[in-house]
C-alpha atoms as a PDB file:
ATOM      1  CA  MET A   1      83.757 -31.441 170.431  1.00  0.00           C
ATOM      2  CA  MET A   2      80.639 -31.592 172.419  1.00  0.00           C
ATOM      3  CA  GLU A   3      82.277 -31.370 175.794  1.00  0.00           C
ATOM      4  CA  GLU A   4      85.196 -29.027 174.974  1.00  0.00           C
ATOM      5  CA  LEU A   5      83.546 -26.688 172.411  1.00  0.00           C
ATOM      6  CA  GLY A   6      79.817 -26.931 173.540  1.00  0.00           C
ATOM      7  CA  VAL A   7      78.798 -28.211 170.112  1.00  0.00           C
ATOM      8  CA  PHE A   8      75.442 -29.708 169.641  1.00  0.00           C
ATOM      9  CA  PRO A   9      75.510 -31.962 166.676  1.00  0.00           C
ATOM     10  CA  HIS A  10      72.276 -31.936 164.492  1.00  0.00           C
ATOM     11  CA  ASN A  11      70.600 -35.423 163.779  1.00  0.00           C
ATOM     12  CA  GLY A  12      73.054 -37.651 161.825  1.00  0.00           C
ATOM     13  CA  THR A  13      76.360 -35.776 161.424  1.00  0.00           C
ATOM     14  CA  CYS A  14      79.167 -36.264 159.052  1.00  0.00           C
ATOM     15  CA  THR A  15      82.273 -34.467 158.002  1.00  0.00           C
ATOM     16  CA  SER A  16      85.135 -34.843 155.528  1.00  0.00           C
ATOM     17  CA  PRO A  17      88.444 -33.533 156.963  1.00  0.00           C
ATOM     18  CA  LEU A  18      90.374 -31.154 154.773  1.00  0.00           C
ATOM     19  CA  ILE A  19      94.087 -31.159 155.276  1.00  0.00           C
ATOM     20  CA  ILE A  20      96.089 -28.139 154.049  1.00  0.00           C
ATOM     21  CA  GLY A  21      99.580 -27.877 155.199  1.00  0.00           C
ATOM     22  CA  GLU A  22      99.779 -28.420 158.939  1.00  0.00           C
ATOM     23  CA  LEU A  23      96.102 -27.726 159.517  1.00  0.00           C
ATOM     24  CA  ILE A  24      93.080 -30.142 159.583  1.00  0.00           C
ATOM     25  CA  TYR A  25      89.687 -28.366 158.940  1.00  0.00           C
ATOM     26  CA  LEU A  26      86.651 -30.018 160.279  1.00  0.00           C
ATOM     27  CA  ASN A  27      82.970 -29.248 160.258  1.00  0.00           C
ATOM     28  CA  THR A  28      81.486 -29.505 163.787  1.00  0.00           C
ATOM     29  CA  CYS A  29      77.944 -30.251 162.580  1.00  0.00           C
ATOM     30  CA  ASN A  30      76.660 -27.696 165.124  1.00  0.00           C
ATOM     31  CA  GLY A  31      72.840 -27.177 164.703  1.00  0.00           C
ATOM     32  CA  MET A  32      69.349 -27.327 165.900  1.00  0.00           C
ATOM     33  CA  ASP A  33      67.789 -29.587 168.509  1.00  0.00           C
ATOM     34  CA  TRP A  34      65.232 -32.295 167.544  1.00  0.00           C
ATOM     35  CA  THR A  35      62.401 -29.793 167.213  1.00  0.00           C
ATOM     36  CA  HIS A  36      64.228 -28.129 164.380  1.00  0.00           C
ATOM     37  CA  VAL A  37      63.155 -24.829 165.922  1.00  0.00           C
ATOM     38  CA  ASN A  38      65.992 -24.086 168.356  1.00  0.00           C
ATOM     39  CA  VAL A  39      69.693 -23.764 167.915  1.00  0.00           C
ATOM     40  CA  ARG A  40      70.882 -25.354 171.110  1.00  0.00           C
ATOM     41  CA  SER A  41      74.453 -23.959 171.113  1.00  0.00           C
ATOM     42  CA  PRO A  42      74.362 -20.752 168.884  1.00  0.00           C
ATOM     43  CA  ASN A  43      77.835 -19.583 170.000  1.00  0.00           C
ATOM     44  CA  SER A  44      79.691 -22.767 169.316  1.00  0.00           C
ATOM     45  CA  PRO A  45      81.860 -23.026 166.174  1.00  0.00           C
ATOM     46  CA  SER A  46      80.567 -24.559 162.987  1.00  0.00           C
ATOM     47  CA  LEU A  47      84.071 -25.053 161.659  1.00  0.00           C
ATOM     48  CA  ILE A  48      87.346 -25.691 163.415  1.00  0.00           C
ATOM     49  CA  ALA A  49      91.007 -25.844 162.275  1.00  0.00           C
ATOM     50  CA  LEU A  50      93.484 -28.038 164.340  1.00  0.00           C
ATOM     51  CA  ASN A  51      97.244 -28.643 163.993  1.00  0.00           C
ATOM     52  CA  LYS A  52      98.073 -32.080 162.643  1.00  0.00           C
END
């Protein structure tokens, strides 16, 4: 996700996939940098849905 979507995960990241029908929903964990002041990639998605 970091390379393809420009997501910058914040600290320790975790997500639990949610499957509904033919889609898998995932939290990208996009967030702030280590300073907790700047959002490194504000235009990147927080949630994505992918075809199974």
